[in-house]
Structure formats: structure tokens, C-alpha cells
Amino acid sequence: MEALYEILEELQPEVDFHTATNLIDGHLLPSLSIISLIAELEDEFDITIPAVEIVPANFNSADAIWALVQRLQEED
């Protein structure tokens, strides 16, 4: 989870990812940051994030992103 926080903080240092629960809905992560985040997650955690998984529910909080990463790792 710490690696995830590092990735997120590198992309948007001004956001408190430990408490934010509206990263997408609150426009805290711009679309270009989301694209970068997906690439970083795939590289860091050796996963592939299918297009159907790129929905606000999976990216609105660090916990939701972490749950997605763990689920995709288990599916591999």
C-alpha cells in the first residue's frame, strides 16, 4: 500500500490520499493523471487494468485503487 501512496503523491502532491474518497468525482485526479496512474500501477504491480475496470468506483480512493490492484493480482 505504501508503494501506491508514493505513486499517487508523485502524481498529485497536494492531495491527501490517506483521507480522500472522491478522487474522481471531486476532480482531484485530472484525466492525464489517471492515465499516468494506470501505467504506473501496471508497471509497479505487474498487472493489466482492463478498460472495463477504469470506472470511478475503482479510483475514487486509495483504498479502492488498492482493492483493484489486489483483485487483479489474484486473477493473474
N, C-alpha and C. Protein backbone atom coordinates (compact mmCIF):
# COMPACT_ATOMS: atom_id res chain seq x y z
N MET A 1 0.83 -1.20 0.00
CA MET A 1 0.00 0.00 0.00
C MET A 1 0.87 1.26 0.00
N GLU A 2 2.02 1.19 0.65
CA GLU A 2 2.91 2.36 0.67
C GLU A 2 3.38 2.72 -0.73
N ALA A 3 3.64 1.70 -1.56
CA ALA A 3 4.06 1.97 -2.94
C ALA A 3 2.96 2.71 -3.68
N LEU A 4 1.71 2.36 -3.41
CA LEU A 4 0.58 3.04 -4.04
C LEU A 4 0.54 4.51 -3.61
N TYR A 5 0.70 4.76 -2.32
CA TYR A 5 0.70 6.15 -1.84
C TYR A 5 1.83 6.95 -2.48
N GLU A 6 2.98 6.33 -2.64
CA GLU A 6 4.11 7.03 -3.27
C GLU A 6 3.78 7.41 -4.71
N ILE A 7 3.17 6.49 -5.44
CA ILE A 7 2.78 6.77 -6.83
C ILE A 7 1.78 7.92 -6.87
N LEU A 8 0.76 7.83 -6.03
CA LEU A 8 -0.28 8.86 -6.01
C LEU A 8 0.29 10.23 -5.64
N GLU A 9 1.12 10.27 -4.62
CA GLU A 9 1.68 11.54 -4.15
C GLU A 9 2.63 12.14 -5.17
N GLU A 10 3.27 11.30 -5.96
CA GLU A 10 4.14 11.80 -7.02
C GLU A 10 3.30 12.47 -8.12
N LEU A 11 2.13 11.91 -8.39
CA LEU A 11 1.26 12.46 -9.44
C LEU A 11 0.58 13.75 -9.00
N GLN A 12 0.07 13.78 -7.77
CA GLN A 12 -0.68 14.93 -7.26
C GLN A 12 -0.27 15.19 -5.81
N PRO A 13 0.86 15.84 -5.58
CA PRO A 13 1.37 16.01 -4.21
C PRO A 13 0.46 16.81 -3.28
N GLU A 14 -0.43 17.62 -3.83
CA GLU A 14 -1.27 18.47 -2.98
C GLU A 14 -2.50 17.75 -2.43
N VAL A 15 -2.75 16.52 -2.87
CA VAL A 15 -3.94 15.79 -2.43
C VAL A 15 -3.60 14.88 -1.25
N ASP A 16 -4.48 14.84 -0.24
CA ASP A 16 -4.30 13.94 0.90
C ASP A 16 -4.96 12.60 0.56
N PHE A 17 -4.18 11.70 0.01
CA PHE A 17 -4.71 10.41 -0.45
C PHE A 17 -5.08 9.48 0.69
N HIS A 18 -4.63 9.78 1.89
CA HIS A 18 -4.97 8.94 3.04
C HIS A 18 -6.43 9.13 3.46
N THR A 19 -7.01 10.29 3.14
CA THR A 19 -8.39 10.55 3.56
C THR A 19 -9.36 10.80 2.42
N ALA A 20 -8.87 11.14 1.23
CA ALA A 20 -9.75 11.49 0.11
C ALA A 20 -10.55 10.28 -0.36
N THR A 21 -11.83 10.49 -0.57
CA THR A 21 -12.70 9.42 -1.06
C THR A 21 -13.46 9.83 -2.32
N ASN A 22 -13.04 10.95 -2.90
CA ASN A 22 -13.70 11.44 -4.11
C ASN A 22 -12.67 11.88 -5.16
N LEU A 23 -11.65 11.08 -5.35
CA LEU A 23 -10.56 11.45 -6.26
C LEU A 23 -11.06 11.73 -7.67
N ILE A 24 -11.98 10.91 -8.15
CA ILE A 24 -12.51 11.09 -9.50
C ILE A 24 -13.71 12.04 -9.45
N ASP A 25 -14.68 11.71 -8.61
CA ASP A 25 -15.91 12.51 -8.54
C ASP A 25 -15.62 13.96 -8.14
N GLY A 26 -14.60 14.18 -7.32
CA GLY A 26 -14.25 15.53 -6.89
C GLY A 26 -13.21 16.19 -7.78
N HIS A 27 -12.86 15.54 -8.88
CA HIS A 27 -11.90 16.06 -9.85
C HIS A 27 -10.53 16.35 -9.23
N LEU A 28 -10.15 15.55 -8.24
CA LEU A 28 -8.84 15.71 -7.61
C LEU A 28 -7.74 15.08 -8.45
N LEU A 29 -8.11 14.09 -9.27
CA LEU A 29 -7.18 13.48 -10.21
C LEU A 29 -7.62 13.82 -11.63
N PRO A 30 -6.89 14.69 -12.31
CA PRO A 30 -7.24 15.01 -13.70
C PRO A 30 -7.04 13.79 -14.61
N SER A 31 -7.67 13.82 -15.76
CA SER A 31 -7.64 12.66 -16.65
C SER A 31 -6.23 12.24 -17.04
N LEU A 32 -5.33 13.18 -17.27
CA LEU A 32 -3.96 12.80 -17.61
C LEU A 32 -3.27 12.10 -16.45
N SER A 33 -3.58 12.51 -15.24
CA SER A 33 -3.01 11.84 -14.06
C SER A 33 -3.55 10.42 -13.94
N ILE A 34 -4.81 10.23 -14.29
CA ILE A 34 -5.40 8.89 -14.23
C ILE A 34 -4.69 7.96 -15.23
N ILE A 35 -4.44 8.47 -16.41
CA ILE A 35 -3.73 7.68 -17.42
C ILE A 35 -2.34 7.31 -16.91
N SER A 36 -1.65 8.28 -16.35
CA SER A 36 -0.31 8.02 -15.79
C SER A 36 -0.39 7.04 -14.63
N LEU A 37 -1.41 7.19 -13.79
CA LEU A 37 -1.59 6.30 -12.65
C LEU A 37 -1.77 4.86 -13.11
N ILE A 38 -2.60 4.66 -14.11
CA ILE A 38 -2.84 3.31 -14.63
C ILE A 38 -1.54 2.69 -15.12
N ALA A 39 -0.76 3.45 -15.87
CA ALA A 39 0.52 2.94 -16.38
C ALA A 39 1.47 2.60 -15.22
N GLU A 40 1.52 3.48 -14.22
CA GLU A 40 2.39 3.24 -13.06
C GLU A 40 1.95 2.00 -12.28
N LEU A 41 0.64 1.85 -12.08
CA LEU A 41 0.13 0.68 -11.36
C LEU A 41 0.46 -0.61 -12.10
N GLU A 42 0.28 -0.59 -13.41
CA GLU A 42 0.57 -1.79 -14.20
C GLU A 42 2.04 -2.16 -14.10
N ASP A 43 2.92 -1.16 -14.16
CA ASP A 43 4.36 -1.43 -14.06
C ASP A 43 4.76 -1.88 -12.66
N GLU A 44 4.31 -1.15 -11.66
CA GLU A 44 4.73 -1.41 -10.28
C GLU A 44 4.22 -2.75 -9.76
N PHE A 45 2.99 -3.10 -10.10
CA PHE A 45 2.37 -4.29 -9.51
C PHE A 45 2.21 -5.45 -10.49
N ASP A 46 2.78 -5.28 -11.70
CA ASP A 46 2.76 -6.34 -12.72
C ASP A 46 1.34 -6.84 -12.98
N ILE A 47 0.46 -5.88 -13.27
CA ILE A 47 -0.94 -6.21 -13.57
C ILE A 47 -1.33 -5.53 -14.88
N THR A 48 -2.44 -5.93 -15.42
CA THR A 48 -3.06 -5.24 -16.55
C THR A 48 -4.44 -4.79 -16.09
N ILE A 49 -4.71 -3.51 -16.27
CA ILE A 49 -6.01 -2.98 -15.87
C ILE A 49 -6.88 -2.88 -17.12
N PRO A 50 -7.86 -3.77 -17.24
CA PRO A 50 -8.73 -3.73 -18.42
C PRO A 50 -9.59 -2.46 -18.44
N ALA A 51 -9.98 -2.04 -19.62
CA ALA A 51 -10.78 -0.82 -19.77
C ALA A 51 -12.06 -0.86 -18.94
N VAL A 52 -12.66 -2.04 -18.81
CA VAL A 52 -13.91 -2.14 -18.05
C VAL A 52 -13.72 -1.84 -16.56
N GLU A 53 -12.48 -1.91 -16.08
CA GLU A 53 -12.19 -1.62 -14.67
C GLU A 53 -11.90 -0.14 -14.42
N ILE A 54 -11.79 0.64 -15.49
CA ILE A 54 -11.46 2.06 -15.35
C ILE A 54 -12.77 2.84 -15.18
N VAL A 55 -13.29 2.74 -13.96
CA VAL A 55 -14.53 3.40 -13.59
C VAL A 55 -14.30 4.15 -12.28
N PRO A 56 -15.06 5.21 -12.02
CA PRO A 56 -14.84 5.99 -10.80
C PRO A 56 -14.83 5.16 -9.52
N ALA A 57 -15.67 4.16 -9.42
CA ALA A 57 -15.73 3.36 -8.20
C ALA A 57 -14.38 2.72 -7.86
N ASN A 58 -13.59 2.40 -8.86
CA ASN A 58 -12.29 1.76 -8.63
C ASN A 58 -11.17 2.76 -8.38
N PHE A 59 -11.43 4.05 -8.58
CA PHE A 59 -10.36 5.05 -8.49
C PHE A 59 -10.71 6.24 -7.60
N ASN A 60 -11.81 6.19 -6.85
CA ASN A 60 -12.22 7.33 -6.03
C ASN A 60 -11.43 7.47 -4.73
N SER A 61 -10.73 6.41 -4.32
CA SER A 61 -9.92 6.50 -3.10
C SER A 61 -8.73 5.57 -3.23
N ALA A 62 -7.73 5.80 -2.39
CA ALA A 62 -6.56 4.92 -2.38
C ALA A 62 -6.98 3.51 -2.00
N ASP A 63 -7.93 3.37 -1.07
CA ASP A 63 -8.40 2.05 -0.67
C ASP A 63 -9.04 1.32 -1.84
N ALA A 64 -9.84 2.04 -2.64
CA ALA A 64 -10.50 1.41 -3.80
C ALA A 64 -9.46 1.00 -4.84
N ILE A 65 -8.46 1.84 -5.05
CA ILE A 65 -7.40 1.52 -6.01
C ILE A 65 -6.64 0.30 -5.53
N TRP A 66 -6.33 0.26 -4.23
CA TRP A 66 -5.59 -0.87 -3.65
C TRP A 66 -6.40 -2.16 -3.78
N ALA A 67 -7.70 -2.08 -3.55
CA ALA A 67 -8.56 -3.26 -3.70
C ALA A 67 -8.54 -3.76 -5.14
N LEU A 68 -8.56 -2.84 -6.09
CA LEU A 68 -8.48 -3.20 -7.51
C LEU A 68 -7.16 -3.90 -7.81
N VAL A 69 -6.06 -3.33 -7.34
CA VAL A 69 -4.74 -3.91 -7.57
C VAL A 69 -4.68 -5.33 -7.00
N GLN A 70 -5.14 -5.50 -5.78
CA GLN A 70 -5.10 -6.82 -5.15
C GLN A 70 -5.95 -7.83 -5.90
N ARG A 71 -7.13 -7.40 -6.34
CA ARG A 71 -8.03 -8.30 -7.08
C ARG A 71 -7.39 -8.72 -8.40
N LEU A 72 -6.78 -7.77 -9.11
CA LEU A 72 -6.16 -8.09 -10.38
C LEU A 72 -4.92 -8.98 -10.21
N GLN A 73 -4.20 -8.79 -9.12
CA GLN A 73 -3.06 -9.66 -8.84
C GLN A 73 -3.51 -11.09 -8.57
N GLU A 74 -4.61 -11.25 -7.87
CA GLU A 74 -5.14 -12.57 -7.57
C GLU A 74 -5.65 -13.27 -8.83
N GLU A 75 -6.17 -12.49 -9.79
CA GLU A 75 -6.71 -13.06 -11.01
C GLU A 75 -5.62 -13.57 -11.95
N ASP A 76 -4.42 -13.02 -11.82
CA ASP A 76 -3.33 -13.44 -12.72
C ASP A 76 -2.85 -14.84 -12.48
